[in-house]
Amino acid sequence: TLSVIEQMVPGRPVEDRVLDIMAPEVREAF
């Protein structure tokens, strides 16, 4: 499950498409 663990590693990317598909309030909180 590398994709979820990656989010705990400093300097790893967050994809723009991930942010785009989130609900606005969820995006801000994330």
PDB file of all heavy atoms in Angstrom:
ATOM      1  N   THR A   1       0.852  -1.190   0.000  1.00  0.00           N
ATOM      2  CA  THR A   1       0.000   0.000   0.000  1.00  0.00           C
ATOM      3  C   THR A   1       0.891   1.245   0.000  1.00  0.00           C
ATOM      4  O   THR A   1       0.719   2.162   0.808  1.00  0.00           O
ATOM      5  CB  THR A   1      -0.947   0.015   1.216  1.00  0.00           C
ATOM      6  OG1 THR A   1      -0.168  -0.014   2.419  1.00  0.00           O
ATOM      7  CG2 THR A   1      -1.882  -1.180   1.205  1.00  0.00           C
ATOM      8  N   LEU A   2       1.824   1.285  -0.923  1.00  0.00           N
ATOM      9  CA  LEU A   2       2.831   2.346  -0.926  1.00  0.00           C
ATOM     10  C   LEU A   2       2.231   3.735  -1.095  1.00  0.00           C
ATOM     11  O   LEU A   2       2.748   4.713  -0.554  1.00  0.00           O
ATOM     12  CB  LEU A   2       3.862   2.081  -2.021  1.00  0.00           C
ATOM     13  CG  LEU A   2       4.755   0.843  -1.828  1.00  0.00           C
ATOM     14  CD1 LEU A   2       5.628   0.618  -3.045  1.00  0.00           C
ATOM     15  CD2 LEU A   2       5.614   0.982  -0.564  1.00  0.00           C
ATOM     16  N   SER A   3       1.130   3.851  -1.831  1.00  0.00           N
ATOM     17  CA  SER A   3       0.598   5.183  -2.118  1.00  0.00           C
ATOM     18  C   SER A   3       0.088   5.892  -0.875  1.00  0.00           C
ATOM     19  O   SER A   3       0.147   7.121  -0.792  1.00  0.00           O
ATOM     20  CB  SER A   3      -0.498   5.105  -3.180  1.00  0.00           C
ATOM     21  OG  SER A   3      -1.588   4.308  -2.757  1.00  0.00           O
ATOM     22  N   VAL A   4      -0.424   5.147   0.102  1.00  0.00           N
ATOM     23  CA  VAL A   4      -0.881   5.807   1.335  1.00  0.00           C
ATOM     24  C   VAL A   4       0.294   6.108   2.259  1.00  0.00           C
ATOM     25  O   VAL A   4       0.327   7.145   2.938  1.00  0.00           O
ATOM     26  CB  VAL A   4      -1.961   4.979   2.058  1.00  0.00           C
ATOM     27  CG1 VAL A   4      -1.403   3.706   2.671  1.00  0.00           C
ATOM     28  CG2 VAL A   4      -2.650   5.810   3.134  1.00  0.00           C
ATOM     29  N   ILE A   5       1.292   5.235   2.275  1.00  0.00           N
ATOM     30  CA  ILE A   5       2.457   5.464   3.136  1.00  0.00           C
ATOM     31  C   ILE A   5       3.298   6.621   2.608  1.00  0.00           C
ATOM     32  O   ILE A   5       3.877   7.391   3.385  1.00  0.00           O
ATOM     33  CB  ILE A   5       3.290   4.167   3.241  1.00  0.00           C
ATOM     34  CG1 ILE A   5       2.448   3.037   3.836  1.00  0.00           C
ATOM     35  CG2 ILE A   5       4.550   4.396   4.082  1.00  0.00           C
ATOM     36  CD1 ILE A   5       3.058   1.668   3.726  1.00  0.00           C
ATOM     37  N   GLU A   6       3.324   6.787   1.299  1.00  0.00           N
ATOM     38  CA  GLU A   6       4.092   7.877   0.692  1.00  0.00           C
ATOM     39  C   GLU A   6       3.702   9.233   1.271  1.00  0.00           C
ATOM     40  O   GLU A   6       4.553  10.132   1.403  1.00  0.00           O
ATOM     41  CB  GLU A   6       3.869   7.872  -0.816  1.00  0.00           C
ATOM     42  CG  GLU A   6       4.617   8.978  -1.546  1.00  0.00           C
ATOM     43  CD  GLU A   6       4.275   9.050  -3.021  1.00  0.00           C
ATOM     44  OE1 GLU A   6       3.131   8.728  -3.390  1.00  0.00           O
ATOM     45  OE2 GLU A   6       5.160   9.433  -3.801  1.00  0.00           O
ATOM     46  N   GLN A   7       2.427   9.391   1.614  1.00  0.00           N
ATOM     47  CA  GLN A   7       1.956  10.678   2.129  1.00  0.00           C
ATOM     48  C   GLN A   7       2.549  11.022   3.488  1.00  0.00           C
ATOM     49  O   GLN A   7       2.434  12.163   3.945  1.00  0.00           O
ATOM     50  CB  GLN A   7       0.431  10.657   2.215  1.00  0.00           C
ATOM     51  CG  GLN A   7      -0.268  10.567   0.874  1.00  0.00           C
ATOM     52  CD  GLN A   7       0.017  11.789   0.007  1.00  0.00           C
ATOM     53  OE1 GLN A   7      -0.110  12.914   0.452  1.00  0.00           O
ATOM     54  NE2 GLN A   7       0.437  11.554  -1.219  1.00  0.00           N
ATOM     55  N   MET A   8       3.182  10.055   4.143  1.00  0.00           N
ATOM     56  CA  MET A   8       3.805  10.297   5.443  1.00  0.00           C
ATOM     57  C   MET A   8       5.296  10.586   5.319  1.00  0.00           C
ATOM     58  O   MET A   8       5.969  10.805   6.330  1.00  0.00           O
ATOM     59  CB  MET A   8       3.601   9.074   6.346  1.00  0.00           C
ATOM     60  CG  MET A   8       2.155   8.650   6.480  1.00  0.00           C
ATOM     61  SD  MET A   8       2.011   7.097   7.405  1.00  0.00           S
ATOM     62  CE  MET A   8       0.359   6.565   6.899  1.00  0.00           C
ATOM     63  N   VAL A   9       5.815  10.577   4.089  1.00  0.00           N
ATOM     64  CA  VAL A   9       7.240  10.783   3.846  1.00  0.00           C
ATOM     65  C   VAL A   9       7.467  12.225   3.411  1.00  0.00           C
ATOM     66  O   VAL A   9       6.795  12.696   2.488  1.00  0.00           O
ATOM     67  CB  VAL A   9       7.760   9.811   2.768  1.00  0.00           C
ATOM     68  CG1 VAL A   9       9.260   9.994   2.551  1.00  0.00           C
ATOM     69  CG2 VAL A   9       7.447   8.365   3.151  1.00  0.00           C
ATOM     70  N   PRO A  10       8.365  12.955   4.053  1.00  0.00           N
ATOM     71  CA  PRO A  10       8.554  14.366   3.694  1.00  0.00           C
ATOM     72  C   PRO A  10       9.046  14.533   2.261  1.00  0.00           C
ATOM     73  O   PRO A  10       9.849  13.754   1.762  1.00  0.00           O
ATOM     74  CB  PRO A  10       9.604  14.850   4.696  1.00  0.00           C
ATOM     75  CG  PRO A  10      10.296  13.623   5.174  1.00  0.00           C
ATOM     76  CD  PRO A  10       9.266  12.541   5.144  1.00  0.00           C
ATOM     77  N   GLY A  11       8.510  15.574   1.621  1.00  0.00           N
ATOM     78  CA  GLY A  11       8.974  15.924   0.285  1.00  0.00           C
ATOM     79  C   GLY A  11       8.353  15.144  -0.842  1.00  0.00           C
ATOM     80  O   GLY A  11       8.675  15.373  -2.011  1.00  0.00           O
ATOM     81  N   ARG A  12       7.441  14.215  -0.537  1.00  0.00           N
ATOM     82  CA  ARG A  12       6.793  13.443  -1.605  1.00  0.00           C
ATOM     83  C   ARG A  12       5.659  14.269  -2.211  1.00  0.00           C
ATOM     84  O   ARG A  12       5.046  15.101  -1.542  1.00  0.00           O
ATOM     85  CB  ARG A  12       6.252  12.122  -1.062  1.00  0.00           C
ATOM     86  CG  ARG A  12       7.268  11.250  -0.370  1.00  0.00           C
ATOM     87  CD  ARG A  12       8.346  10.736  -1.288  1.00  0.00           C
ATOM     88  NE  ARG A  12       7.820   9.848  -2.311  1.00  0.00           N
ATOM     89  CZ  ARG A  12       8.584   9.100  -3.114  1.00  0.00           C
ATOM     90  NH1 ARG A  12       9.904   9.178  -3.029  1.00  0.00           N
ATOM     91  NH2 ARG A  12       8.043   8.308  -4.002  1.00  0.00           N
ATOM     92  N   PRO A  13       5.341  14.056  -3.483  1.00  0.00           N
ATOM     93  CA  PRO A  13       4.383  14.924  -4.168  1.00  0.00           C
ATOM     94  C   PRO A  13       2.928  14.642  -3.808  1.00  0.00           C
ATOM     95  O   PRO A  13       2.577  13.540  -3.393  1.00  0.00           O
ATOM     96  CB  PRO A  13       4.628  14.600  -5.648  1.00  0.00           C
ATOM     97  CG  PRO A  13       5.093  13.166  -5.638  1.00  0.00           C
ATOM     98  CD  PRO A  13       5.932  13.046  -4.385  1.00  0.00           C
ATOM     99  N   VAL A  14       2.100  15.671  -3.970  1.00  0.00           N
ATOM    100  CA  VAL A  14       0.645  15.535  -3.970  1.00  0.00           C
ATOM    101  C   VAL A  14       0.190  15.913  -5.372  1.00  0.00           C
ATOM    102  O   VAL A  14       0.477  17.016  -5.850  1.00  0.00           O
ATOM    103  CB  VAL A  14      -0.024  16.446  -2.923  1.00  0.00           C
ATOM    104  CG1 VAL A  14      -1.544  16.339  -3.030  1.00  0.00           C
ATOM    105  CG2 VAL A  14       0.438  16.090  -1.523  1.00  0.00           C
ATOM    106  N   GLU A  15      -0.491  15.005  -6.039  1.00  0.00           N
ATOM    107  CA  GLU A  15      -0.872  15.244  -7.423  1.00  0.00           C
ATOM    108  C   GLU A  15      -1.996  16.278  -7.520  1.00  0.00           C
ATOM    109  O   GLU A  15      -2.928  16.290  -6.716  1.00  0.00           O
ATOM    110  CB  GLU A  15      -1.343  13.944  -8.079  1.00  0.00           C
ATOM    111  CG  GLU A  15      -0.293  12.845  -8.091  1.00  0.00           C
ATOM    112  CD  GLU A  15      -0.864  11.554  -8.650  1.00  0.00           C
ATOM    113  OE1 GLU A  15      -1.453  11.592  -9.741  1.00  0.00           O
ATOM    114  OE2 GLU A  15      -0.726  10.518  -7.987  1.00  0.00           O
ATOM    115  N   ASP A  16      -1.901  17.141  -8.544  1.00  0.00           N
ATOM    116  CA  ASP A  16      -2.949  18.137  -8.781  1.00  0.00           C
ATOM    117  C   ASP A  16      -4.309  17.482  -8.996  1.00  0.00           C
ATOM    118  O   ASP A  16      -5.332  17.997  -8.537  1.00  0.00           O
ATOM    119  CB  ASP A  16      -2.603  18.991 -10.000  1.00  0.00           C
ATOM    120  CG  ASP A  16      -1.451  19.950  -9.722  1.00  0.00           C
ATOM    121  OD1 ASP A  16      -1.150  20.204  -8.533  1.00  0.00           O
ATOM    122  OD2 ASP A  16      -0.844  20.445 -10.694  1.00  0.00           O
ATOM    123  N   ARG A  17      -4.333  16.344  -9.671  1.00  0.00           N
ATOM    124  CA  ARG A  17      -5.613  15.694  -9.956  1.00  0.00           C
ATOM    125  C   ARG A  17      -6.289  15.213  -8.668  1.00  0.00           C
ATOM    126  O   ARG A  17      -7.512  15.145  -8.594  1.00  0.00           O
ATOM    127  CB  ARG A  17      -5.434  14.532 -10.929  1.00  0.00           C
ATOM    128  CG  ARG A  17      -4.582  13.386 -10.391  1.00  0.00           C
ATOM    129  CD  ARG A  17      -4.512  12.228 -11.352  1.00  0.00           C
ATOM    130  NE  ARG A  17      -3.803  11.102 -10.744  1.00  0.00           N
ATOM    131  CZ  ARG A  17      -3.994   9.838 -11.093  1.00  0.00           C
ATOM    132  NH1 ARG A  17      -4.852   9.530 -12.040  1.00  0.00           N
ATOM    133  NH2 ARG A  17      -3.306   8.878 -10.506  1.00  0.00           N
ATOM    134  N   VAL A  18      -5.475  14.870  -7.659  1.00  0.00           N
ATOM    135  CA  VAL A  18      -6.025  14.477  -6.362  1.00  0.00           C
ATOM    136  C   VAL A  18      -6.750  15.653  -5.730  1.00  0.00           C
ATOM    137  O   VAL A  18      -7.861  15.522  -5.220  1.00  0.00           O
ATOM    138  CB  VAL A  18      -4.911  13.942  -5.443  1.00  0.00           C
ATOM    139  CG1 VAL A  18      -5.405  13.814  -4.005  1.00  0.00           C
ATOM    140  CG2 VAL A  18      -4.403  12.587  -5.946  1.00  0.00           C
ATOM    141  N   LEU A  19      -6.124  16.820  -5.776  1.00  0.00           N
ATOM    142  CA  LEU A  19      -6.744  18.011  -5.203  1.00  0.00           C
ATOM    143  C   LEU A  19      -7.998  18.405  -5.985  1.00  0.00           C
ATOM    144  O   LEU A  19      -9.002  18.816  -5.393  1.00  0.00           O
ATOM    145  CB  LEU A  19      -5.739  19.164  -5.196  1.00  0.00           C
ATOM    146  CG  LEU A  19      -4.461  18.931  -4.383  1.00  0.00           C
ATOM    147  CD1 LEU A  19      -3.519  20.117  -4.541  1.00  0.00           C
ATOM    148  CD2 LEU A  19      -4.783  18.692  -2.920  1.00  0.00           C
ATOM    149  N   ASP A  20      -7.957  18.265  -7.299  1.00  0.00           N
ATOM    150  CA  ASP A  20      -9.082  18.681  -8.138  1.00  0.00           C
ATOM    151  C   ASP A  20     -10.335  17.855  -7.892  1.00  0.00           C
ATOM    152  O   ASP A  20     -11.454  18.361  -8.017  1.00  0.00           O
ATOM    153  CB  ASP A  20      -8.705  18.581  -9.624  1.00  0.00           C
ATOM    154  CG  ASP A  20      -7.694  19.634 -10.044  1.00  0.00           C
ATOM    155  OD1 ASP A  20      -7.530  20.620  -9.294  1.00  0.00           O
ATOM    156  OD2 ASP A  20      -7.058  19.457 -11.097  1.00  0.00           O
ATOM    157  N   ILE A  21     -10.161  16.579  -7.555  1.00  0.00           N
ATOM    158  CA  ILE A  21     -11.336  15.711  -7.430  1.00  0.00           C
ATOM    159  C   ILE A  21     -11.939  15.754  -6.026  1.00  0.00           C
ATOM    160  O   ILE A  21     -13.048  15.284  -5.807  1.00  0.00           O
ATOM    161  CB  ILE A  21     -10.981  14.261  -7.839  1.00  0.00           C
ATOM    162  CG1 ILE A  21     -12.225  13.537  -8.343  1.00  0.00           C
ATOM    163  CG2 ILE A  21     -10.305  13.507  -6.695  1.00  0.00           C
ATOM    164  CD1 ILE A  21     -11.942  12.289  -9.129  1.00  0.00           C
ATOM    165  N   MET A  22     -11.224  16.350  -5.074  1.00  0.00           N
ATOM    166  CA  MET A  22     -11.734  16.467  -3.709  1.00  0.00           C
ATOM    167  C   MET A  22     -12.839  17.516  -3.626  1.00  0.00           C
ATOM    168  O   MET A  22     -12.831  18.514  -4.365  1.00  0.00           O
ATOM    169  CB  MET A  22     -10.615  16.886  -2.749  1.00  0.00           C
ATOM    170  CG  MET A  22      -9.581  15.836  -2.433  1.00  0.00           C
ATOM    171  SD  MET A  22      -8.311  16.558  -1.334  1.00  0.00           S
ATOM    172  CE  MET A  22      -7.306  15.117  -0.987  1.00  0.00           C
ATOM    173  N   ALA A  23     -13.743  17.326  -2.693  1.00  0.00           N
ATOM    174  CA  ALA A  23     -14.694  18.376  -2.348  1.00  0.00           C
ATOM    175  C   ALA A  23     -13.902  19.576  -1.821  1.00  0.00           C
ATOM    176  O   ALA A  23     -12.888  19.399  -1.130  1.00  0.00           O
ATOM    177  CB  ALA A  23     -15.677  17.880  -1.300  1.00  0.00           C
ATOM    178  N   PRO A  24     -14.322  20.805  -2.144  1.00  0.00           N
ATOM    179  CA  PRO A  24     -13.526  21.990  -1.761  1.00  0.00           C
ATOM    180  C   PRO A  24     -13.160  22.046  -0.286  1.00  0.00           C
ATOM    181  O   PRO A  24     -12.005  22.325   0.069  1.00  0.00           O
ATOM    182  CB  PRO A  24     -14.436  23.156  -2.158  1.00  0.00           C
ATOM    183  CG  PRO A  24     -15.258  22.618  -3.283  1.00  0.00           C
ATOM    184  CD  PRO A  24     -15.505  21.169  -2.941  1.00  0.00           C
ATOM    185  N   GLU A  25     -14.130  21.780   0.602  1.00  0.00           N
ATOM    186  CA  GLU A  25     -13.831  21.869   2.024  1.00  0.00           C
ATOM    187  C   GLU A  25     -12.874  20.763   2.464  1.00  0.00           C
ATOM    188  O   GLU A  25     -12.065  20.943   3.382  1.00  0.00           O
ATOM    189  CB  GLU A  25     -15.128  21.819   2.845  1.00  0.00           C
ATOM    190  CG  GLU A  25     -15.911  20.517   2.757  1.00  0.00           C
ATOM    191  CD  GLU A  25     -16.862  20.438   1.570  1.00  0.00           C
ATOM    192  OE1 GLU A  25     -16.681  21.223   0.606  1.00  0.00           O
ATOM    193  OE2 GLU A  25     -17.787  19.600   1.616  1.00  0.00           O
ATOM    194  N   VAL A  26     -12.942  19.599   1.807  1.00  0.00           N
ATOM    195  CA  VAL A  26     -12.028  18.497   2.111  1.00  0.00           C
ATOM    196  C   VAL A  26     -10.626  18.844   1.638  1.00  0.00           C
ATOM    197  O   VAL A  26      -9.638  18.567   2.322  1.00  0.00           O
ATOM    198  CB  VAL A  26     -12.533  17.190   1.452  1.00  0.00           C
ATOM    199  CG1 VAL A  26     -11.512  16.071   1.621  1.00  0.00           C
ATOM    200  CG2 VAL A  26     -13.872  16.784   2.051  1.00  0.00           C
ATOM    201  N   ARG A  27     -10.541  19.475   0.467  1.00  0.00           N
ATOM    202  CA  ARG A  27      -9.243  19.880  -0.069  1.00  0.00           C
ATOM    203  C   ARG A  27      -8.535  20.845   0.893  1.00  0.00           C
ATOM    204  O   ARG A  27      -7.348  20.686   1.187  1.00  0.00           O
ATOM    205  CB  ARG A  27      -9.422  20.544  -1.429  1.00  0.00           C
ATOM    206  CG  ARG A  27      -8.113  20.957  -2.110  1.00  0.00           C
ATOM    207  CD  ARG A  27      -8.375  21.781  -3.369  1.00  0.00           C
ATOM    208  NE  ARG A  27      -9.385  21.167  -4.187  1.00  0.00           N
ATOM    209  CZ  ARG A  27     -10.517  21.771  -4.588  1.00  0.00           C
ATOM    210  NH1 ARG A  27     -10.754  23.014  -4.227  1.00  0.00           N
ATOM    211  NH2 ARG A  27     -11.376  21.136  -5.353  1.00  0.00           N
ATOM    212  N   GLU A  28      -9.268  21.825   1.382  1.00  0.00           N
ATOM    213  CA  GLU A  28      -8.668  22.805   2.284  1.00  0.00           C
ATOM    214  C   GLU A  28      -8.190  22.137   3.574  1.00  0.00           C
ATOM    215  O   GLU A  28      -7.090  22.413   4.062  1.00  0.00           O
ATOM    216  CB  GLU A  28      -9.680  23.903   2.594  1.00  0.00           C
ATOM    217  CG  GLU A  28     -10.026  24.780   1.396  1.00  0.00           C
ATOM    218  CD  GLU A  28     -11.139  25.759   1.712  1.00  0.00           C
ATOM    219  OE1 GLU A  28     -11.482  25.889   2.909  1.00  0.00           O
ATOM    220  OE2 GLU A  28     -11.671  26.389   0.776  1.00  0.00           O
ATOM    221  N   ALA A  29      -9.025  21.258   4.118  1.00  0.00           N
ATOM    222  CA  ALA A  29      -8.651  20.563   5.356  1.00  0.00           C
ATOM    223  C   ALA A  29      -7.466  19.638   5.125  1.00  0.00           C
ATOM    224  O   ALA A  29      -6.568  19.524   5.976  1.00  0.00           O
ATOM    225  CB  ALA A  29      -9.851  19.782   5.886  1.00  0.00           C
ATOM    226  N   PHE A  30      -7.443  18.960   3.959  1.00  0.00           N
ATOM    227  CA  PHE A  30      -6.329  18.070   3.648  1.00  0.00           C
ATOM    228  C   PHE A  30      -5.020  18.836   3.554  1.00  0.00           C
ATOM    229  O   PHE A  30      -3.996  18.424   4.116  1.00  0.00           O
ATOM    230  CB  PHE A  30      -6.582  17.309   2.347  1.00  0.00           C
ATOM    231  CG  PHE A  30      -5.323  16.735   1.758  1.00  0.00           C
ATOM    232  CD1 PHE A  30      -4.679  15.670   2.369  1.00  0.00           C
ATOM    233  CD2 PHE A  30      -4.739  17.309   0.636  1.00  0.00           C
ATOM    234  CE1 PHE A  30      -3.488  15.162   1.858  1.00  0.00           C
ATOM    235  CE2 PHE A  30      -3.558  16.814   0.121  1.00  0.00           C
ATOM    236  CZ  PHE A  30      -2.932  15.730   0.731  1.00  0.00           C
TER     237      PHE A  30
END
